[in-house]
């Protein structure tokens, strides 16, 4: 069951990297002083990446919990 914990930890790290990437991308877009419509477009493009990263991170944390409980 130790392998499940390590796989879950790796998934959590990948998800965290995706979340940080989306935060940085949105912050750059806000600092660029773009028109309102273009800013909304860039933020809307980052939404699926952010949600996907949150999902991967959640699955990783669930795998860690399952691995700890079974091990």
Protein backbone atom coordinates (compact mmCIF):
# COMPACT_ATOMS: atom_id res chain seq x y z
CA UNK A 1 0.00 0.00 0.00
CA UNK A 2 3.03 2.24 0.25
CA UNK A 3 3.01 2.62 -3.54
CA UNK A 4 -0.51 4.09 -3.39
CA UNK A 5 0.71 6.71 -0.93
CA UNK A 6 3.62 7.69 -3.19
CA UNK A 7 1.45 7.80 -6.32
CA UNK A 8 -1.07 9.95 -4.44
CA UNK A 9 1.68 12.28 -3.26
CA UNK A 10 2.96 12.63 -6.82
CA UNK A 11 -0.55 13.41 -8.09
CA UNK A 12 -0.98 16.00 -5.35
CA UNK A 13 2.28 17.70 -6.33
CA UNK A 14 1.26 17.75 -10.01
CA UNK A 15 -2.09 19.26 -9.05
CA UNK A 16 -0.41 21.85 -6.86
CA UNK A 17 1.89 22.84 -9.73
CA UNK A 18 -1.16 23.31 -11.96
CA UNK A 19 -2.86 25.47 -9.36
CA UNK A 20 0.24 27.64 -8.98
CA UNK A 21 0.49 27.92 -12.77
CA UNK A 22 -3.09 29.12 -13.05
CA UNK A 23 -2.60 31.66 -10.25
CA UNK A 24 0.52 33.06 -11.90
CA UNK A 25 -1.13 33.22 -15.33
CA UNK A 26 -4.16 35.11 -14.01
CA UNK A 27 -1.95 37.48 -12.01
CA UNK A 28 0.07 38.24 -15.15
CA UNK A 29 -3.10 38.90 -17.10
CA UNK A 30 -4.35 41.30 -14.42
CA UNK A 31 -1.04 43.16 -14.32
CA UNK A 32 -1.03 43.57 -18.13
CA UNK A 33 -3.78 46.23 -17.93
CA UNK A 34 -5.81 44.52 -20.65
CA UNK A 35 -9.25 45.65 -21.74
CA UNK A 36 -12.06 44.10 -19.73
CA UNK A 37 -13.21 41.71 -22.44
CA UNK A 38 -9.72 40.34 -23.15
CA UNK A 39 -9.05 39.92 -19.43
CA UNK A 40 -12.26 37.91 -19.08
CA UNK A 41 -11.23 35.76 -22.04
CA UNK A 42 -7.82 34.96 -20.54
CA UNK A 43 -9.32 34.16 -17.16
CA UNK A 44 -11.95 31.97 -18.81
CA UNK A 45 -9.19 30.03 -20.59
CA UNK A 46 -7.49 29.36 -17.25
CA UNK A 47 -10.63 28.05 -15.56
CA UNK A 48 -10.47 24.49 -17.01
CA UNK A 49 -6.78 24.23 -16.12
CA UNK A 50 -7.51 25.35 -12.58
CA UNK A 51 -10.40 22.92 -12.16
CA UNK A 52 -8.38 20.07 -13.66
CA UNK A 53 -5.49 20.78 -11.31
CA UNK A 54 -7.85 20.86 -8.33
CA UNK A 55 -9.32 17.51 -9.43
CA UNK A 56 -5.89 15.88 -9.82
CA UNK A 57 -4.81 17.21 -6.44
CA UNK A 58 -8.00 15.92 -4.81
CA UNK A 59 -7.56 12.46 -6.34
CA UNK A 60 -3.97 12.42 -5.12
CA UNK A 61 -4.94 13.34 -1.58
CA UNK A 62 -7.66 10.67 -1.62
CA UNK A 63 -5.10 8.10 -2.76
CA UNK A 64 -2.79 9.09 0.09
CA UNK A 65 -5.60 8.69 2.61
CA UNK A 66 -6.63 5.31 1.19
CA UNK A 67 -3.03 4.11 1.18
CA UNK A 68 -2.51 5.17 4.79
CA UNK A 69 -5.76 3.55 5.93
CA UNK A 70 -5.03 0.27 4.15
CA UNK A 71 -1.36 0.19 5.10
